[in-house]
C-alpha atoms as a PDB file:
ATOM      1  CA  MET A   1       0.000   0.000   0.000  1.00  0.00           C
ATOM      2  CA  ALA A   2       1.397   3.379  -1.012  1.00  0.00           C
ATOM      3  CA  LEU A   3       2.025   5.985   1.640  1.00  0.00           C
ATOM      4  CA  LYS A   4      -0.067   9.130   1.377  1.00  0.00           C
ATOM      5  CA  SER A   5       1.100  12.711   1.612  1.00  0.00           C
ATOM      6  CA  THR A   6       0.772  14.523   4.928  1.00  0.00           C
ATOM      7  CA  ILE A   7      -1.403  17.619   4.635  1.00  0.00           C
ATOM      8  CA  ASN A   8      -0.101  20.726   6.398  1.00  0.00           C
ATOM      9  CA  LYS A   9      -1.869  24.077   6.632  1.00  0.00           C
ATOM     10  CA  ALA A  10      -0.170  27.453   6.870  1.00  0.00           C
ATOM     11  CA  THR A  11      -1.565  30.946   7.315  1.00  0.00           C
ATOM     12  CA  ILE A  12       0.937  33.584   6.285  1.00  0.00           C
ATOM     13  CA  HIS A  13       0.422  37.287   6.990  1.00  0.00           C
ATOM     14  CA  LEU A  14       2.832  38.746   4.450  1.00  0.00           C
ATOM     15  CA  ALA A  15       4.113  42.292   4.127  1.00  0.00           C
ATOM     16  CA  ASP A  16       6.697  42.394   1.328  1.00  0.00           C
ATOM     17  CA  MET A  17       7.641  46.065   1.198  1.00  0.00           C
ATOM     18  CA  ASP A  18      10.405  45.437  -1.341  1.00  0.00           C
ATOM     19  CA  ARG A  19       7.859  44.278  -3.942  1.00  0.00           C
ATOM     20  CA  ASN A  20       4.869  46.227  -2.563  1.00  0.00           C
ATOM     21  CA  TYR A  21       2.992  42.941  -2.054  1.00  0.00           C
ATOM     22  CA  TYR A  22       0.706  42.477   0.958  1.00  0.00           C
ATOM     23  CA  ASP A  23      -1.506  39.454   1.475  1.00  0.00           C
ATOM     24  CA  THR A  24      -2.802  36.835   3.884  1.00  0.00           C
ATOM     25  CA  LEU A  25      -2.050  33.476   2.343  1.00  0.00           C
ATOM     26  CA  GLN A  26      -4.003  30.359   3.280  1.00  0.00           C
ATOM     27  CA  LEU A  27      -1.784  27.532   2.049  1.00  0.00           C
ATOM     28  CA  THR A  28      -2.286  23.793   1.947  1.00  0.00           C
ATOM     29  CA  ILE A  29       1.046  22.016   1.683  1.00  0.00           C
ATOM     30  CA  ALA A  30       1.053  18.354   0.668  1.00  0.00           C
ATOM     31  CA  GLN A  31       4.198  16.829   2.148  1.00  0.00           C
ATOM     32  CA  HIS A  32       5.268  13.827   0.065  1.00  0.00           C
ATOM     33  CA  PRO A  33       6.272  10.775   2.177  1.00  0.00           C
ATOM     34  CA  SER A  34       9.874  11.180   0.964  1.00  0.00           C
ATOM     35  CA  GLU A  35       9.984  14.903   1.844  1.00  0.00           C
ATOM     36  CA  ASN A  36      11.403  15.764   5.266  1.00  0.00           C
ATOM     37  CA  ASP A  37      10.297  18.733   7.386  1.00  0.00           C
ATOM     38  CA  ARG A  38      13.368  20.767   6.414  1.00  0.00           C
ATOM     39  CA  ARG A  39      12.621  20.574   2.693  1.00  0.00           C
ATOM     40  CA  MET A  40       8.931  21.313   3.257  1.00  0.00           C
ATOM     41  CA  MET A  41       9.776  24.449   5.251  1.00  0.00           C
ATOM     42  CA  ILE A  42      12.349  25.587   2.663  1.00  0.00           C
ATOM     43  CA  ARG A  43       9.621  25.076   0.032  1.00  0.00           C
ATOM     44  CA  LEU A  44       7.211  27.162   2.108  1.00  0.00           C
ATOM     45  CA  MET A  45       9.806  29.955   2.467  1.00  0.00           C
ATOM     46  CA  ALA A  46      10.525  29.896  -1.280  1.00  0.00           C
ATOM     47  CA  TYR A  47       6.790  30.299  -1.856  1.00  0.00           C
ATOM     48  CA  ILE A  48       6.606  33.216   0.589  1.00  0.00           C
ATOM     49  CA  LEU A  49       9.638  34.958  -0.944  1.00  0.00           C
ATOM     50  CA  ASN A  50       8.010  34.797  -4.388  1.00  0.00           C
ATOM     51  CA  ALA A  51       4.340  35.127  -3.409  1.00  0.00           C
ATOM     52  CA  SER A  52       2.177  36.507  -6.183  1.00  0.00           C
ATOM     53  CA  GLU A  53      -1.050  35.880  -8.013  1.00  0.00           C
ATOM     54  CA  ASN A  54      -1.032  32.505  -9.822  1.00  0.00           C
ATOM     55  CA  LEU A  55       1.916  31.121  -7.811  1.00  0.00           C
ATOM     56  CA  GLN A  56       1.238  27.494  -6.955  1.00  0.00           C
ATOM     57  CA  PHE A  57       2.903  24.407  -5.580  1.00  0.00           C
ATOM     58  CA  GLY A  58       3.812  21.880  -8.260  1.00  0.00           C
ATOM     59  CA  LYS A  59       4.298  18.161  -7.871  1.00  0.00           C
ATOM     60  CA  GLY A  60       8.084  18.653  -7.909  1.00  0.00           C
ATOM     61  CA  VAL A  61       9.085  15.670  -5.747  1.00  0.00           C
ATOM     62  CA  SER A  62       6.861  13.139  -7.496  1.00  0.00           C
ATOM     63  CA  ASP A  63       6.828  14.519 -11.077  1.00  0.00           C
ATOM     64  CA  GLU A  64       9.982  15.759 -12.749  1.00  0.00           C
ATOM     65  CA  ASP A  65       7.967  17.597 -15.412  1.00  0.00           C
ATOM     66  CA  GLU A  66       6.742  20.013 -12.762  1.00  0.00           C
ATOM     67  CA  ALA A  67       8.544  22.491 -10.563  1.00  0.00           C
ATOM     68  CA  ALA A  68       8.420  22.492  -6.776  1.00  0.00           C
ATOM     69  CA  ILE A  69       6.680  25.870  -7.158  1.00  0.00           C
ATOM     70  CA  TRP A  70       5.720  27.714 -10.301  1.00  0.00           C
ATOM     71  CA  ARG A  71       3.748  30.581 -11.733  1.00  0.00           C
ATOM     72  CA  ILE A  72       1.878  29.936 -14.957  1.00  0.00           C
ATOM     73  CA  ASN A  73       0.117  32.832 -16.667  1.00  0.00           C
ATOM     74  CA  TYR A  74      -3.259  32.786 -18.383  1.00  0.00           C
ATOM     75  CA  SER A  75      -1.582  31.951 -21.709  1.00  0.00           C
ATOM     76  CA  GLU A  76      -0.180  28.739 -20.173  1.00  0.00           C
ATOM     77  CA  GLU A  77       3.367  30.157 -20.243  1.00  0.00           C
ATOM     78  CA  ILE A  78       5.604  29.354 -17.282  1.00  0.00           C
ATOM     79  CA  GLU A  79       6.733  32.716 -15.933  1.00  0.00           C
ATOM     80  CA  LEU A  80       8.606  31.376 -12.897  1.00  0.00           C
ATOM     81  CA  TRP A  81       9.982  27.916 -12.118  1.00  0.00           C
ATOM     82  CA  ILE A  82      11.304  27.361  -8.576  1.00  0.00           C
ATOM     83  CA  GLU A  83      13.387  24.354  -7.520  1.00  0.00           C
ATOM     84  CA  LEU A  84      14.936  23.304  -4.213  1.00  0.00           C
ATOM     85  CA  GLY A  85      18.136  21.539  -3.243  1.00  0.00           C
ATOM     86  CA  GLN A  86      21.287  20.801  -5.166  1.00  0.00           C
ATOM     87  CA  LEU A  87      20.076  19.848  -8.606  1.00  0.00           C
ATOM     88  CA  ASP A  88      21.973  18.606 -11.594  1.00  0.00           C
ATOM     89  CA  GLU A  89      22.557  20.626 -14.730  1.00  0.00           C
ATOM     90  CA  LYS A  90      20.100  18.554 -16.785  1.00  0.00           C
ATOM     91  CA  ARG A  91      17.032  19.401 -14.671  1.00  0.00           C
ATOM     92  CA  LEU A  92      17.949  23.098 -14.487  1.00  0.00           C
ATOM     93  CA  LYS A  93      18.548  23.251 -18.238  1.00  0.00           C
ATOM     94  CA  LYS A  94      15.100  21.757 -18.819  1.00  0.00           C
ATOM     95  CA  ALA A  95      13.555  24.347 -16.480  1.00  0.00           C
ATOM     96  CA  CYS A  96      15.407  27.208 -18.212  1.00  0.00           C
ATOM     97  CA  ASN A  97      14.147  26.008 -21.594  1.00  0.00           C
ATOM     98  CA  ARG A  98      10.541  25.961 -20.380  1.00  0.00           C
ATOM     99  CA  ALA A  99      10.306  29.041 -18.139  1.00  0.00           C
ATOM    100  CA  GLN A 100      10.991  32.751 -18.407  1.00  0.00           C
ATOM    101  CA  LEU A 101      12.817  32.774 -15.045  1.00  0.00           C
ATOM    102  CA  VAL A 102      14.195  29.930 -12.886  1.00  0.00           C
ATOM    103  CA  LYS A 103      15.124  30.177  -9.209  1.00  0.00           C
ATOM    104  CA  LEU A 104      16.978  27.521  -7.260  1.00  0.00           C
ATOM    105  CA  TYR A 105      17.025  27.626  -3.457  1.00  0.00           C
ATOM    106  CA  CYS A 106      19.864  25.518  -2.042  1.00  0.00           C
ATOM    107  CA  TYR A 107      20.220  24.230   1.491  1.00  0.00           C
ATOM    108  CA  GLY A 108      22.261  21.590   3.295  1.00  0.00           C
ATOM    109  CA  SER A 109      25.725  21.134   4.697  1.00  0.00           C
ATOM    110  CA  ASN A 110      27.355  20.177   1.376  1.00  0.00           C
ATOM    111  CA  VAL A 111      26.203  23.150  -0.742  1.00  0.00           C
ATOM    112  CA  ASP A 112      29.774  24.458  -0.985  1.00  0.00           C
ATOM    113  CA  THR A 113      30.976  21.208  -2.575  1.00  0.00           C
ATOM    114  CA  TRP A 114      27.999  21.064  -4.947  1.00  0.00           C
ATOM    115  CA  TRP A 115      28.492  24.721  -5.958  1.00  0.00           C
ATOM    116  CA  ALA A 116      32.227  24.254  -6.577  1.00  0.00           C
ATOM    117  CA  GLN A 117      31.458  21.323  -8.888  1.00  0.00           C
ATOM    118  CA  SER A 118      28.446  22.870 -10.650  1.00  0.00           C
ATOM    119  CA  GLN A 119      29.233  26.572 -10.839  1.00  0.00           C
ATOM    120  CA  SER A 120      30.910  26.636 -14.259  1.00  0.00           C
ATOM    121  CA  LYS A 121      28.084  24.629 -15.883  1.00  0.00           C
ATOM    122  CA  LEU A 122      25.285  26.611 -14.267  1.00  0.00           C
ATOM    123  CA  LYS A 123      26.751  30.024 -15.178  1.00  0.00           C
ATOM    124  CA  GLN A 124      25.711  29.359 -18.792  1.00  0.00           C
ATOM    125  CA  PHE A 125      22.002  29.580 -17.885  1.00  0.00           C
ATOM    126  CA  SER A 126      21.128  33.277 -18.095  1.00  0.00           C
ATOM    127  CA  LYS A 127      17.580  32.733 -16.755  1.00  0.00           C
ATOM    128  CA  LEU A 128      18.829  31.024 -13.573  1.00  0.00           C
ATOM    129  CA  SER A 129      19.128  32.626 -10.134  1.00  0.00           C
ATOM    130  CA  ILE A 130      20.570  30.619  -7.242  1.00  0.00           C
ATOM    131  CA  ALA A 131      20.285  31.481  -3.554  1.00  0.00           C
ATOM    132  CA  ARG A 132      21.404  29.534  -0.512  1.00  0.00           C
ATOM    133  CA  PHE A 133      19.748  29.158   2.890  1.00  0.00           C
ATOM    134  CA  SER A 134      22.296  29.054   5.702  1.00  0.00           C
ATOM    135  CA  GLU A 135      22.418  25.819   7.687  1.00  0.00           C
ATOM    136  CA  ALA A 136      21.308  27.688  10.825  1.00  0.00           C
ATOM    137  CA  THR A 137      18.290  29.158   9.012  1.00  0.00           C
ATOM    138  CA  ALA A 138      17.302  25.780   7.547  1.00  0.00           C
ATOM    139  CA  LEU A 139      17.514  24.163  10.988  1.00  0.00           C
ATOM    140  CA  ALA A 140      15.472  26.935  12.622  1.00  0.00           C
ATOM    141  CA  LEU A 141      12.787  26.628   9.919  1.00  0.00           C
ATOM    142  CA  GLU A 142      12.677  22.859  10.313  1.00  0.00           C
ATOM    143  CA  GLN A 143      11.961  23.270  14.019  1.00  0.00           C
ATOM    144  CA  LEU A 144       8.874  25.373  13.195  1.00  0.00           C
ATOM    145  CA  ALA A 145       7.296  22.636  11.059  1.00  0.00           C
ATOM    146  CA  ASP A 146       3.832  21.641  12.237  1.00  0.00           C
ATOM    147  CA  ARG A 147       0.573  20.372  10.750  1.00  0.00           C
ATOM    148  CA  SER A 148      -0.979  23.797  11.368  1.00  0.00           C
ATOM    149  CA  MET A 149       1.226  26.894  11.198  1.00  0.00           C
ATOM    150  CA  GLU A 150       0.730  30.652  11.365  1.00  0.00           C
ATOM    151  CA  PHE A 151       3.455  33.149  10.511  1.00  0.00           C
ATOM    152  CA  GLN A 152       3.899  36.901  10.252  1.00  0.00           C
ATOM    153  CA  VAL A 153       6.458  37.694   7.532  1.00  0.00           C
ATOM    154  CA  SER A 154       7.976  41.106   6.828  1.00  0.00           C
ATOM    155  CA  ILE A 155      10.361  41.709   3.956  1.00  0.00           C
ATOM    156  CA  GLN A 156      12.123  45.043   3.657  1.00  0.00           C
ATOM    157  CA  ASP A 157      15.481  46.143   2.230  1.00  0.00           C
ATOM    158  CA  GLY A 158      16.347  42.542   1.377  1.00  0.00           C
ATOM    159  CA  GLN A 159      15.770  41.286   4.924  1.00  0.00           C
ATOM    160  CA  CYS A 160      13.072  38.732   5.694  1.00  0.00           C
ATOM    161  CA  TRP A 161      11.754  38.433   9.242  1.00  0.00           C
ATOM    162  CA  LEU A 162       9.471  35.535  10.158  1.00  0.00           C
ATOM    163  CA  THR A 163       7.540  35.489  13.436  1.00  0.00           C
ATOM    164  CA  CYS A 164       5.795  32.425  14.833  1.00  0.00           C
ATOM    165  CA  ALA A 165       4.189  32.851  18.273  1.00  0.00           C
ATOM    166  CA  GLU A 166       6.998  34.230  20.475  1.00  0.00           C
ATOM    167  CA  GLN A 167       9.861  33.316  18.122  1.00  0.00           C
ATOM    168  CA  THR A 168      11.287  35.637  15.449  1.00  0.00           C
ATOM    169  CA  LEU A 169      13.791  34.497  12.818  1.00  0.00           C
ATOM    170  CA  LEU A 170      15.885  36.428  10.365  1.00  0.00           C
ATOM    171  CA  ILE A 171      15.720  34.359   7.176  1.00  0.00           C
ATOM    172  CA  GLU A 172      19.156  34.652   5.646  1.00  0.00           C
ATOM    173  CA  LEU A 173      19.938  33.876   2.030  1.00  0.00           C
ATOM    174  CA  THR A 174      23.214  34.130   0.169  1.00  0.00           C
ATOM    175  CA  ASP A 175      22.980  34.871  -3.545  1.00  0.00           C
ATOM    176  CA  LEU A 176      25.203  32.550  -5.568  1.00  0.00           C
ATOM    177  CA  GLN A 177      24.031  33.549  -9.049  1.00  0.00           C
ATOM    178  CA  HIS A 178      21.717  36.203 -10.520  1.00  0.00           C
ATOM    179  CA  ALA A 179      19.669  35.783 -13.675  1.00  0.00           C
ATOM    180  CA  LYS A 180      20.758  38.053 -16.470  1.00  0.00           C
ATOM    181  CA  PRO A 181      17.914  40.067 -18.025  1.00  0.00           C
END
């Protein structure tokens, strides 16, 4: 018998002053049996950092023809393709060929090794941006994982602050590569 996804709910009160985007998001996050809490929370943060109309979770983990998160416009064009982890060149090339913009959010203790090995190949993709979550941030996010979550998120001047109950986290990202317009 196949294992079913765990359903998590998140309410996000978002104030993104950098993009002038304000919203209360009611999200349902299907956590695949192979997806750990850390990856699910990184996926949630990637969603929050890119929140916009038409942004949606893809099948990502279970279907390699879909992104972890993506934004598809009314003309069925993929405007934004978001991936997580330390992916190989082949998957990122496919994403860059299908979408107008691709973002990769890396996390984990061996990102430095992966980046050293992949950097020269990935620099050729002009539509690709790569950012890294620090290990401390990823761990702190993982500890907030719950079946029902509520967060206040403020983004201003490139800083992202996430508050959950009495705990406030500075979500730190390091840019490894910027897309070229």
